[in-house]
Structures are given as structure tokens and as C-alpha cells.
Amino acid sequence: MTDEFETSLDRDGGTATVALRGEVDVLTVDLVRSALAEALATEPREIVVDLTELVFIDSTGLGALIFGFQRARDAGIRFRLTRASPGVRQILVLSGLLEVVELTP
């Protein structure tokens, strides 16, 4: 595992997938916002945030996901999270984010 945080954006048909790798915190949250804004700019039918390689997310990162969700909702774009590790999933549950944002396996 590396200490570096990375994002990637892949487009497949009408789906834009933003993958997050590493830790999202106050030092890396702007990269998350930028990746989500870039995904929104492609005007997909759906945005999927892949959390497979995300090891930690703090409150600023949760705020960035809410930012992406709200912008997508306002544009009529489906927004969902996928493949959260048990630790990240627990943070998402405790934050209440999963009450409004869908998490798929």
C-alpha cells in the first residue's frame, strides 16, 4: 500500500467511474472534488465512485461525496458508491451518508 492518494476517471458508455485510492482527508479532498467535477462535466447517465482501494475517508471526504451526489442529482445523473471495504463502509454508515447515497457491492 502506498501513502499517495490517486483518483482515476474511466468512461464506458453512459457511465463515468471515479476510482479513489488511498486516504481521503483534508490534504486530498480537492482531488476528489476535481475528479467528481470532471465526471459531471462528461454528462454521463450515471456516476459510480469505486471505493475498492480507498482505505480511509474523513468528514471532508464525506463532504466531497455529498457535493458530487447533489450536483449529479441536480443534473438528473444517477450517483452511487461501490465496493467499499468494511472499514470504509462503517464510516459511511455512521455518517448517515448511505441514507441518501446508494452503495452497491
PDB file of N, CA and C in Angstrom:
ATOM      1  N   MET A   1       0.844  -1.184   0.000  1.00  0.00           N
ATOM      2  CA  MET A   1       0.000   0.000   0.000  1.00  0.00           C
ATOM      3  C   MET A   1       0.888   1.246   0.000  1.00  0.00           C
ATOM      4  N   THR A   2       0.500   2.228  -0.752  1.00  0.00           N
ATOM      5  CA  THR A   2       1.265   3.461  -0.832  1.00  0.00           C
ATOM      6  C   THR A   2       0.569   4.570  -0.060  1.00  0.00           C
ATOM      7  N   ASP A   3       1.329   5.576   0.367  1.00  0.00           N
ATOM      8  CA  ASP A   3       0.744   6.696   1.087  1.00  0.00           C
ATOM      9  C   ASP A   3       0.160   7.734   0.138  1.00  0.00           C
ATOM     10  N   GLU A   4       0.431   7.582  -1.154  1.00  0.00           N
ATOM     11  CA  GLU A   4      -0.070   8.545  -2.130  1.00  0.00           C
ATOM     12  C   GLU A   4      -1.539   8.322  -2.410  1.00  0.00           C
ATOM     13  N   PHE A   5      -2.260   9.430  -2.571  1.00  0.00           N
ATOM     14  CA  PHE A   5      -3.665   9.357  -2.934  1.00  0.00           C
ATOM     15  C   PHE A   5      -3.782   9.536  -4.435  1.00  0.00           C
ATOM     16  N   GLU A   6      -4.664   8.752  -5.064  1.00  0.00           N
ATOM     17  CA  GLU A   6      -4.860   8.856  -6.506  1.00  0.00           C
ATOM     18  C   GLU A   6      -6.346   8.768  -6.830  1.00  0.00           C
ATOM     19  N   THR A   7      -6.715   9.442  -7.912  1.00  0.00           N
ATOM     20  CA  THR A   7      -8.048   9.283  -8.478  1.00  0.00           C
ATOM     21  C   THR A   7      -7.876   8.900  -9.936  1.00  0.00           C
ATOM     22  N   SER A   8      -8.889   8.250 -10.470  1.00  0.00           N
ATOM     23  CA  SER A   8      -8.905   7.997 -11.910  1.00  0.00           C
ATOM     24  C   SER A   8     -10.345   8.107 -12.378  1.00  0.00           C
ATOM     25  N   LEU A   9     -10.498   8.477 -13.644  1.00  0.00           N
ATOM     26  CA  LEU A   9     -11.816   8.602 -14.249  1.00  0.00           C
ATOM     27  C   LEU A   9     -11.846   7.756 -15.507  1.00  0.00           C
ATOM     28  N   ASP A  10     -12.785   6.830 -15.576  1.00  0.00           N
ATOM     29  CA  ASP A  10     -12.975   5.996 -16.759  1.00  0.00           C
ATOM     30  C   ASP A  10     -14.396   6.200 -17.251  1.00  0.00           C
ATOM     31  N   ARG A  11     -14.555   6.214 -18.561  1.00  0.00           N
ATOM     32  CA  ARG A  11     -15.879   6.380 -19.165  1.00  0.00           C
ATOM     33  C   ARG A  11     -16.187   5.149 -19.990  1.00  0.00           C
ATOM     34  N   ASP A  12     -17.342   4.545 -19.745  1.00  0.00           N
ATOM     35  CA  ASP A  12     -17.777   3.380 -20.504  1.00  0.00           C
ATOM     36  C   ASP A  12     -19.246   3.577 -20.830  1.00  0.00           C
ATOM     37  N   GLY A  13     -19.525   3.904 -22.070  1.00  0.00           N
ATOM     38  CA  GLY A  13     -20.901   4.199 -22.454  1.00  0.00           C
ATOM     39  C   GLY A  13     -21.423   5.392 -21.686  1.00  0.00           C
ATOM     40  N   GLY A  14     -22.531   5.212 -20.996  1.00  0.00           N
ATOM     41  CA  GLY A  14     -23.133   6.299 -20.237  1.00  0.00           C
ATOM     42  C   GLY A  14     -22.711   6.348 -18.788  1.00  0.00           C
ATOM     43  N   THR A  15     -21.689   5.570 -18.425  1.00  0.00           N
ATOM     44  CA  THR A  15     -21.240   5.525 -17.033  1.00  0.00           C
ATOM     45  C   THR A  15     -19.837   6.116 -16.895  1.00  0.00           C
ATOM     46  N   ALA A  16     -19.708   7.041 -15.960  1.00  0.00           N
ATOM     47  CA  ALA A  16     -18.392   7.583 -15.597  1.00  0.00           C
ATOM     48  C   ALA A  16     -18.024   6.982 -14.239  1.00  0.00           C
ATOM     49  N   THR A  17     -16.885   6.317 -14.174  1.00  0.00           N
ATOM     50  CA  THR A  17     -16.436   5.709 -12.926  1.00  0.00           C
ATOM     51  C   THR A  17     -15.239   6.476 -12.382  1.00  0.00           C
ATOM     52  N   VAL A  18     -15.397   6.966 -11.155  1.00  0.00           N
ATOM     53  CA  VAL A  18     -14.320   7.655 -10.453  1.00  0.00           C
ATOM     54  C   VAL A  18     -13.792   6.682  -9.405  1.00  0.00           C
ATOM     55  N   ALA A  19     -12.539   6.278  -9.537  1.00  0.00           N
ATOM     56  CA  ALA A  19     -11.921   5.376  -8.568  1.00  0.00           C
ATOM     57  C   ALA A  19     -11.064   6.193  -7.607  1.00  0.00           C
ATOM     58  N   LEU A  20     -11.191   5.890  -6.325  1.00  0.00           N
ATOM     59  CA  LEU A  20     -10.408   6.558  -5.292  1.00  0.00           C
ATOM     60  C   LEU A  20      -9.458   5.548  -4.666  1.00  0.00           C
ATOM     61  N   ARG A  21      -8.195   5.946  -4.515  1.00  0.00           N
ATOM     62  CA  ARG A  21      -7.189   5.032  -3.984  1.00  0.00           C
ATOM     63  C   ARG A  21      -6.378   5.736  -2.903  1.00  0.00           C
ATOM     64  N   GLY A  22      -6.320   5.144  -1.714  1.00  0.00           N
ATOM     65  CA  GLY A  22      -5.546   5.711  -0.618  1.00  0.00           C
ATOM     66  C   GLY A  22      -6.451   6.273   0.460  1.00  0.00           C
ATOM     67  N   GLU A  23      -6.087   7.452   0.986  1.00  0.00           N
ATOM     68  CA  GLU A  23      -6.841   8.088   2.060  1.00  0.00           C
ATOM     69  C   GLU A  23      -7.369   9.441   1.607  1.00  0.00           C
ATOM     70  N   VAL A  24      -8.656   9.673   1.863  1.00  0.00           N
ATOM     71  CA  VAL A  24      -9.239  10.984   1.582  1.00  0.00           C
ATOM     72  C   VAL A  24      -9.312  11.739   2.898  1.00  0.00           C
ATOM     73  N   ASP A  25      -8.618  12.865   2.926  1.00  0.00           N
ATOM     74  CA  ASP A  25      -8.637  13.734   4.100  1.00  0.00           C
ATOM     75  C   ASP A  25      -8.489  15.175   3.634  1.00  0.00           C
ATOM     76  N   VAL A  26      -8.262  16.064   4.559  1.00  0.00           N
ATOM     77  CA  VAL A  26      -8.194  17.492   4.223  1.00  0.00           C
ATOM     78  C   VAL A  26      -7.106  17.796   3.188  1.00  0.00           C
ATOM     79  N   LEU A  27      -6.071  16.980   3.132  1.00  0.00           N
ATOM     80  CA  LEU A  27      -4.980  17.212   2.189  1.00  0.00           C
ATOM     81  C   LEU A  27      -5.297  16.726   0.773  1.00  0.00           C
ATOM     82  N   THR A  28      -6.234  15.801   0.638  1.00  0.00           N
ATOM     83  CA  THR A  28      -6.515  15.203  -0.673  1.00  0.00           C
ATOM     84  C   THR A  28      -7.928  15.456  -1.179  1.00  0.00           C
ATOM     85  N   VAL A  29      -8.765  16.078  -0.370  1.00  0.00           N
ATOM     86  CA  VAL A  29     -10.179  16.231  -0.722  1.00  0.00           C
ATOM     87  C   VAL A  29     -10.386  17.036  -2.003  1.00  0.00           C
ATOM     88  N   ASP A  30      -9.509  17.989  -2.281  1.00  0.00           N
ATOM     89  CA  ASP A  30      -9.669  18.781  -3.505  1.00  0.00           C
ATOM     90  C   ASP A  30      -9.515  17.913  -4.755  1.00  0.00           C
ATOM     91  N   LEU A  31      -8.693  16.872  -4.675  1.00  0.00           N
ATOM     92  CA  LEU A  31      -8.552  15.947  -5.793  1.00  0.00           C
ATOM     93  C   LEU A  31      -9.844  15.167  -6.029  1.00  0.00           C
ATOM     94  N   VAL A  32     -10.538  14.836  -4.954  1.00  0.00           N
ATOM     95  CA  VAL A  32     -11.817  14.130  -5.072  1.00  0.00           C
ATOM     96  C   VAL A  32     -12.847  15.050  -5.723  1.00  0.00           C
ATOM     97  N   ARG A  33     -12.938  16.270  -5.241  1.00  0.00           N
ATOM     98  CA  ARG A  33     -13.881  17.239  -5.826  1.00  0.00           C
ATOM     99  C   ARG A  33     -13.592  17.456  -7.311  1.00  0.00           C
ATOM    100  N   SER A  34     -12.325  17.578  -7.659  1.00  0.00           N
ATOM    101  CA  SER A  34     -11.951  17.774  -9.062  1.00  0.00           C
ATOM    102  C   SER A  34     -12.342  16.577  -9.914  1.00  0.00           C
ATOM    103  N   ALA A  35     -12.091  15.365  -9.408  1.00  0.00           N
ATOM    104  CA  ALA A  35     -12.432  14.156 -10.160  1.00  0.00           C
ATOM    105  C   ALA A  35     -13.941  14.051 -10.355  1.00  0.00           C
ATOM    106  N   LEU A  36     -14.706  14.387  -9.317  1.00  0.00           N
ATOM    107  CA  LEU A  36     -16.161  14.333  -9.436  1.00  0.00           C
ATOM    108  C   LEU A  36     -16.671  15.400 -10.399  1.00  0.00           C
ATOM    109  N   ALA A  37     -16.096  16.602 -10.332  1.00  0.00           N
ATOM    110  CA  ALA A  37     -16.490  17.671 -11.257  1.00  0.00           C
ATOM    111  C   ALA A  37     -16.175  17.279 -12.698  1.00  0.00           C
ATOM    112  N   GLU A  38     -15.031  16.646 -12.902  1.00  0.00           N
ATOM    113  CA  GLU A  38     -14.650  16.191 -14.240  1.00  0.00           C
ATOM    114  C   GLU A  38     -15.637  15.133 -14.746  1.00  0.00           C
ATOM    115  N   ALA A  39     -16.022  14.223 -13.867  1.00  0.00           N
ATOM    116  CA  ALA A  39     -17.003  13.197 -14.241  1.00  0.00           C
ATOM    117  C   ALA A  39     -18.339  13.843 -14.590  1.00  0.00           C
ATOM    118  N   LEU A  40     -18.779  14.799 -13.798  1.00  0.00           N
ATOM    119  CA  LEU A  40     -20.036  15.500 -14.067  1.00  0.00           C
ATOM    120  C   LEU A  40     -19.989  16.219 -15.412  1.00  0.00           C
ATOM    121  N   ALA A  41     -18.838  16.779 -15.755  1.00  0.00           N
ATOM    122  CA  ALA A  41     -18.684  17.543 -16.999  1.00  0.00           C
ATOM    123  C   ALA A  41     -18.858  16.661 -18.238  1.00  0.00           C
ATOM    124  N   THR A  42     -18.662  15.354 -18.088  1.00  0.00           N
ATOM    125  CA  THR A  42     -18.837  14.453 -19.232  1.00  0.00           C
ATOM    126  C   THR A  42     -20.308  14.136 -19.488  1.00  0.00           C
ATOM    127  N   GLU A  43     -21.176  14.605 -18.616  1.00  0.00           N
ATOM    128  CA  GLU A  43     -22.630  14.423 -18.730  1.00  0.00           C
ATOM    129  C   GLU A  43     -23.039  12.965 -18.940  1.00  0.00           C
ATOM    130  N   PRO A  44     -22.599  12.077 -18.032  1.00  0.00           N
ATOM    131  CA  PRO A  44     -22.971  10.664 -18.156  1.00  0.00           C
ATOM    132  C   PRO A  44     -24.405  10.442 -17.667  1.00  0.00           C
ATOM    133  N   ARG A  45     -24.927   9.261 -17.888  1.00  0.00           N
ATOM    134  CA  ARG A  45     -26.216   8.885 -17.292  1.00  0.00           C
ATOM    135  C   ARG A  45     -26.022   8.512 -15.826  1.00  0.00           C
ATOM    136  N   GLU A  46     -24.805   8.032 -15.503  1.00  0.00           N
ATOM    137  CA  GLU A  46     -24.533   7.542 -14.159  1.00  0.00           C
ATOM    138  C   GLU A  46     -23.082   7.825 -13.776  1.00  0.00           C
ATOM    139  N   ILE A  47     -22.877   8.156 -12.497  1.00  0.00           N
ATOM    140  CA  ILE A  47     -21.527   8.266 -11.938  1.00  0.00           C
ATOM    141  C   ILE A  47     -21.402   7.215 -10.848  1.00  0.00           C
ATOM    142  N   VAL A  48     -20.359   6.398 -10.964  1.00  0.00           N
ATOM    143  CA  VAL A  48     -20.059   5.367  -9.974  1.00  0.00           C
ATOM    144  C   VAL A  48     -18.738   5.745  -9.316  1.00  0.00           C
ATOM    145  N   VAL A  49     -18.735   5.806  -7.997  1.00  0.00           N
ATOM    146  CA  VAL A  49     -17.496   6.070  -7.261  1.00  0.00           C
ATOM    147  C   VAL A  49     -17.019   4.737  -6.699  1.00  0.00           C
ATOM    148  N   ASP A  50     -15.909   4.248  -7.251  1.00  0.00           N
ATOM    149  CA  ASP A  50     -15.347   2.947  -6.877  1.00  0.00           C
ATOM    150  C   ASP A  50     -14.424   3.143  -5.678  1.00  0.00           C
ATOM    151  N   LEU A  51     -14.797   2.508  -4.557  1.00  0.00           N
ATOM    152  CA  LEU A  51     -14.057   2.660  -3.303  1.00  0.00           C
ATOM    153  C   LEU A  51     -13.183   1.451  -2.987  1.00  0.00           C
ATOM    154  N   THR A  52     -12.951   0.589  -3.965  1.00  0.00           N
ATOM    155  CA  THR A  52     -12.203  -0.653  -3.749  1.00  0.00           C
ATOM    156  C   THR A  52     -10.875  -0.407  -3.031  1.00  0.00           C
ATOM    157  N   GLU A  53     -10.124   0.591  -3.471  1.00  0.00           N
ATOM    158  CA  GLU A  53      -8.791   0.822  -2.918  1.00  0.00           C
ATOM    159  C   GLU A  53      -8.737   2.015  -1.960  1.00  0.00           C
ATOM    160  N   LEU A  54      -9.907   2.453  -1.494  1.00  0.00           N
ATOM    161  CA  LEU A  54      -9.950   3.527  -0.504  1.00  0.00           C
ATOM    162  C   LEU A  54      -9.781   2.912   0.877  1.00  0.00           C
ATOM    163  N   VAL A  55      -8.805   3.402   1.636  1.00  0.00           N
ATOM    164  CA  VAL A  55      -8.551   2.824   2.949  1.00  0.00           C
ATOM    165  C   VAL A  55      -9.097   3.681   4.083  1.00  0.00           C
ATOM    166  N   PHE A  56      -9.351   4.964   3.825  1.00  0.00           N
ATOM    167  CA  PHE A  56      -9.868   5.852   4.870  1.00  0.00           C
ATOM    168  C   PHE A  56     -10.520   7.059   4.221  1.00  0.00           C
ATOM    169  N   ILE A  57     -11.572   7.560   4.853  1.00  0.00           N
ATOM    170  CA  ILE A  57     -12.217   8.796   4.416  1.00  0.00           C
ATOM    171  C   ILE A  57     -12.646   9.563   5.657  1.00  0.00           C
ATOM    172  N   ASP A  58     -12.318  10.853   5.714  1.00  0.00           N
ATOM    173  CA  ASP A  58     -12.721  11.670   6.857  1.00  0.00           C
ATOM    174  C   ASP A  58     -13.932  12.521   6.489  1.00  0.00           C
ATOM    175  N   SER A  59     -14.309  13.429   7.375  1.00  0.00           N
ATOM    176  CA  SER A  59     -15.514  14.233   7.160  1.00  0.00           C
ATOM    177  C   SER A  59     -15.399  15.137   5.937  1.00  0.00           C
ATOM    178  N   THR A  60     -14.191  15.595   5.607  1.00  0.00           N
ATOM    179  CA  THR A  60     -14.054  16.429   4.410  1.00  0.00           C
ATOM    180  C   THR A  60     -14.302  15.593   3.155  1.00  0.00           C
ATOM    181  N   GLY A  61     -13.862  14.339   3.183  1.00  0.00           N
ATOM    182  CA  GLY A  61     -14.112  13.434   2.066  1.00  0.00           C
ATOM    183  C   GLY A  61     -15.584  13.105   1.924  1.00  0.00           C
ATOM    184  N   LEU A  62     -16.257  12.909   3.054  1.00  0.00           N
ATOM    185  CA  LEU A  62     -17.704  12.677   3.021  1.00  0.00           C
ATOM    186  C   LEU A  62     -18.403  13.884   2.410  1.00  0.00           C
ATOM    187  N   GLY A  63     -17.936  15.073   2.761  1.00  0.00           N
ATOM    188  CA  GLY A  63     -18.498  16.298   2.191  1.00  0.00           C
ATOM    189  C   GLY A  63     -18.311  16.350   0.679  1.00  0.00           C
ATOM    190  N   ALA A  64     -17.163  15.877   0.196  1.00  0.00           N
ATOM    191  CA  ALA A  64     -16.917  15.857  -1.251  1.00  0.00           C
ATOM    192  C   ALA A  64     -17.861  14.887  -1.948  1.00  0.00           C
ATOM    193  N   LEU A  65     -18.131  13.741  -1.316  1.00  0.00           N
ATOM    194  CA  LEU A  65     -19.080  12.791  -1.904  1.00  0.00           C
ATOM    195  C   LEU A  65     -20.486  13.383  -1.943  1.00  0.00           C
ATOM    196  N   ILE A  66     -20.856  14.102  -0.888  1.00  0.00           N
ATOM    197  CA  ILE A  66     -22.163  14.770  -0.860  1.00  0.00           C
ATOM    198  C   ILE A  66     -22.230  15.825  -1.963  1.00  0.00           C
ATOM    199  N   PHE A  67     -21.150  16.574  -2.148  1.00  0.00           N
ATOM    200  CA  PHE A  67     -21.059  17.563  -3.227  1.00  0.00           C
ATOM    201  C   PHE A  67     -21.332  16.894  -4.579  1.00  0.00           C
ATOM    202  N   GLY A  68     -20.656  15.776  -4.821  1.00  0.00           N
ATOM    203  CA  GLY A  68     -20.841  15.053  -6.083  1.00  0.00           C
ATOM    204  C   GLY A  68     -22.255  14.531  -6.237  1.00  0.00           C
ATOM    205  N   PHE A  69     -22.794  13.965  -5.160  1.00  0.00           N
ATOM    206  CA  PHE A  69     -24.155  13.443  -5.188  1.00  0.00           C
ATOM    207  C   PHE A  69     -25.164  14.545  -5.506  1.00  0.00           C
ATOM    208  N   GLN A  70     -25.051  15.680  -4.824  1.00  0.00           N
ATOM    209  CA  GLN A  70     -26.003  16.772  -5.029  1.00  0.00           C
ATOM    210  C   GLN A  70     -25.921  17.338  -6.441  1.00  0.00           C
ATOM    211  N   ARG A  71     -24.713  17.519  -6.938  1.00  0.00           N
ATOM    212  CA  ARG A  71     -24.551  18.029  -8.300  1.00  0.00           C
ATOM    213  C   ARG A  71     -25.107  17.047  -9.324  1.00  0.00           C
ATOM    214  N   ALA A  72     -24.861  15.754  -9.101  1.00  0.00           N
ATOM    215  CA  ALA A  72     -25.388  14.736 -10.016  1.00  0.00           C
ATOM    216  C   ALA A  72     -26.911  14.724  -9.964  1.00  0.00           C
ATOM    217  N   ARG A  73     -27.461  14.721  -8.772  1.00  0.00           N
ATOM    218  CA  ARG A  73     -28.924  14.713  -8.623  1.00  0.00           C
ATOM    219  C   ARG A  73     -29.549  15.908  -9.340  1.00  0.00           C
ATOM    220  N   ASP A  74     -28.949  17.081  -9.149  1.00  0.00           N
ATOM    221  CA  ASP A  74     -29.472  18.295  -9.788  1.00  0.00           C
ATOM    222  C   ASP A  74     -29.423  18.210 -11.309  1.00  0.00           C
ATOM    223  N   ALA A  75     -28.475  17.435 -11.839  1.00  0.00           N
ATOM    224  CA  ALA A  75     -28.332  17.279 -13.292  1.00  0.00           C
ATOM    225  C   ALA A  75     -29.089  16.062 -13.826  1.00  0.00           C
ATOM    226  N   GLY A  76     -29.781  15.344 -12.931  1.00  0.00           N
ATOM    227  CA  GLY A  76     -30.520  14.157 -13.365  1.00  0.00           C
ATOM    228  C   GLY A  76     -29.633  12.965 -13.644  1.00  0.00           C
ATOM    229  N   ILE A  77     -28.464  12.932 -12.997  1.00  0.00           N
ATOM    230  CA  ILE A  77     -27.499  11.842 -13.183  1.00  0.00           C
ATOM    231  C   ILE A  77     -27.544  10.923 -11.967  1.00  0.00           C
ATOM    232  N   ARG A  78     -27.656   9.616 -12.204  1.00  0.00           N
ATOM    233  CA  ARG A  78     -27.615   8.655 -11.102  1.00  0.00           C
ATOM    234  C   ARG A  78     -26.216   8.688 -10.485  1.00  0.00           C
ATOM    235  N   PHE A  79     -26.132   8.594  -9.159  1.00  0.00           N
ATOM    236  CA  PHE A  79     -24.863   8.644  -8.436  1.00  0.00           C
ATOM    237  C   PHE A  79     -24.864   7.520  -7.422  1.00  0.00           C
ATOM    238  N   ARG A  80     -23.825   6.691  -7.464  1.00  0.00           N
ATOM    239  CA  ARG A  80     -23.739   5.620  -6.473  1.00  0.00           C
ATOM    240  C   ARG A  80     -22.288   5.316  -6.117  1.00  0.00           C
ATOM    241  N   LEU A  81     -22.134   4.730  -4.961  1.00  0.00           N
ATOM    242  CA  LEU A  81     -20.837   4.274  -4.478  1.00  0.00           C
ATOM    243  C   LEU A  81     -20.799   2.768  -4.645  1.00  0.00           C
ATOM    244  N   THR A  82     -19.601   2.216  -4.806  1.00  0.00           N
ATOM    245  CA  THR A  82     -19.488   0.766  -4.942  1.00  0.00           C
ATOM    246  C   THR A  82     -18.198   0.257  -4.307  1.00  0.00           C
ATOM    247  N   ARG A  83     -18.257  -0.999  -3.885  1.00  0.00           N
ATOM    248  CA  ARG A  83     -17.085  -1.765  -3.426  1.00  0.00           C
ATOM    249  C   ARG A  83     -16.339  -1.152  -2.246  1.00  0.00           C
ATOM    250  N   ALA A  84     -17.068  -0.707  -1.240  1.00  0.00           N
ATOM    251  CA  ALA A  84     -16.413  -0.165  -0.045  1.00  0.00           C
ATOM    252  C   ALA A  84     -15.890  -1.300   0.827  1.00  0.00           C
ATOM    253  N   SER A  85     -14.694  -1.113   1.369  1.00  0.00           N
ATOM    254  CA  SER A  85     -14.156  -2.087   2.322  1.00  0.00           C
ATOM    255  C   SER A  85     -15.002  -2.017   3.597  1.00  0.00           C
ATOM    256  N   PRO A  86     -14.918  -3.035   4.448  1.00  0.00           N
ATOM    257  CA  PRO A  86     -15.711  -2.996   5.690  1.00  0.00           C
ATOM    258  C   PRO A  86     -15.439  -1.742   6.537  1.00  0.00           C
ATOM    259  N   GLY A  87     -14.187  -1.317   6.619  1.00  0.00           N
ATOM    260  CA  GLY A  87     -13.857  -0.128   7.412  1.00  0.00           C
ATOM    261  C   GLY A  87     -14.448   1.139   6.828  1.00  0.00           C
ATOM    262  N   VAL A  88     -14.330   1.306   5.520  1.00  0.00           N
ATOM    263  CA  VAL A  88     -14.887   2.491   4.857  1.00  0.00           C
ATOM    264  C   VAL A  88     -16.407   2.430   4.909  1.00  0.00           C
ATOM    265  N   ARG A  89     -16.965   1.247   4.714  1.00  0.00           N
ATOM    266  CA  ARG A  89     -18.422   1.110   4.783  1.00  0.00           C
ATOM    267  C   ARG A  89     -18.934   1.538   6.154  1.00  0.00           C
ATOM    268  N   GLN A  90     -18.232   1.159   7.203  1.00  0.00           N
ATOM    269  CA  GLN A  90     -18.645   1.537   8.556  1.00  0.00           C
ATOM    270  C   GLN A  90     -18.667   3.063   8.716  1.00  0.00           C
ATOM    271  N   ILE A  91     -17.662   3.740   8.170  1.00  0.00           N
ATOM    272  CA  ILE A  91     -17.626   5.207   8.226  1.00  0.00           C
ATOM    273  C   ILE A  91     -18.826   5.781   7.475  1.00  0.00           C
ATOM    274  N   LEU A  92     -19.134   5.212   6.312  1.00  0.00           N
ATOM    275  CA  LEU A  92     -20.272   5.687   5.514  1.00  0.00           C
ATOM    276  C   LEU A  92     -21.588   5.486   6.255  1.00  0.00           C
ATOM    277  N   VAL A  93     -21.727   4.344   6.930  1.00  0.00           N
ATOM    278  CA  VAL A  93     -22.940   4.064   7.692  1.00  0.00           C
ATOM    279  C   VAL A  93     -23.062   5.030   8.866  1.00  0.00           C
ATOM    280  N   LEU A  94     -21.996   5.158   9.637  1.00  0.00           N
ATOM    281  CA  LEU A  94     -22.027   6.025  10.819  1.00  0.00           C
ATOM    282  C   LEU A  94     -22.286   7.482  10.473  1.00  0.00           C
ATOM    283  N   SER A  95     -21.825   7.902   9.306  1.00  0.00           N
ATOM    284  CA  SER A  95     -22.021   9.293   8.890  1.00  0.00           C
ATOM    285  C   SER A  95     -23.456   9.567   8.453  1.00  0.00           C
ATOM    286  N   GLY A  96     -24.202   8.517   8.132  1.00  0.00           N
ATOM    287  CA  GLY A  96     -25.558   8.689   7.622  1.00  0.00           C
ATOM    288  C   GLY A  96     -25.605   8.887   6.113  1.00  0.00           C
ATOM    289  N   LEU A  97     -24.458   8.895   5.460  1.00  0.00           N
ATOM    290  CA  LEU A  97     -24.412   9.132   4.017  1.00  0.00           C
ATOM    291  C   LEU A  97     -25.206   8.088   3.233  1.00  0.00           C
ATOM    292  N   LEU A  98     -25.195   6.855   3.720  1.00  0.00           N
ATOM    293  CA  LEU A  98     -25.872   5.791   2.987  1.00  0.00           C
ATOM    294  C   LEU A  98     -27.396   5.881   3.079  1.00  0.00           C
ATOM    295  N   GLU A  99     -27.890   6.821   3.866  1.00  0.00           N
ATOM    296  CA  GLU A  99     -29.328   7.062   3.894  1.00  0.00           C
ATOM    297  C   GLU A  99     -29.780   7.797   2.638  1.00  0.00           C
ATOM    298  N   VAL A 100     -28.838   8.470   1.958  1.00  0.00           N
ATOM    299  CA  VAL A 100     -29.202   9.223   0.743  1.00  0.00           C
ATOM    300  C   VAL A 100     -28.447   8.758  -0.498  1.00  0.00           C
ATOM    301  N   VAL A 101     -27.268   8.176  -0.317  1.00  0.00           N
ATOM    302  CA  VAL A 101     -26.458   7.730  -1.453  1.00  0.00           C
ATOM    303  C   VAL A 101     -26.442   6.209  -1.469  1.00  0.00           C
ATOM    304  N   GLU A 102     -26.669   5.637  -2.639  1.00  0.00           N
ATOM    305  CA  GLU A 102     -26.708   4.186  -2.804  1.00  0.00           C
ATOM    306  C   GLU A 102     -25.296   3.600  -2.768  1.00  0.00           C
ATOM    307  N   LEU A 103     -25.152   2.473  -2.061  1.00  0.00           N
ATOM    308  CA  LEU A 103     -23.900   1.705  -2.062  1.00  0.00           C
ATOM    309  C   LEU A 103     -24.207   0.326  -2.618  1.00  0.00           C
ATOM    310  N   THR A 104     -23.488  -0.055  -3.685  1.00  0.00           N
ATOM    311  CA  THR A 104     -23.675  -1.369  -4.281  1.00  0.00           C
ATOM    312  C   THR A 104     -22.411  -2.198  -4.065  1.00  0.00           C
ATOM    313  N   PRO A 105     -22.580  -3.542  -4.066  1.00  0.00           N
ATOM    314  CA  PRO A 105     -21.412  -4.407  -3.841  1.00  0.00           C
ATOM    315  C   PRO A 105     -20.328  -4.246  -4.887  1.00  0.00           C
TER     316      PRO A 105
END
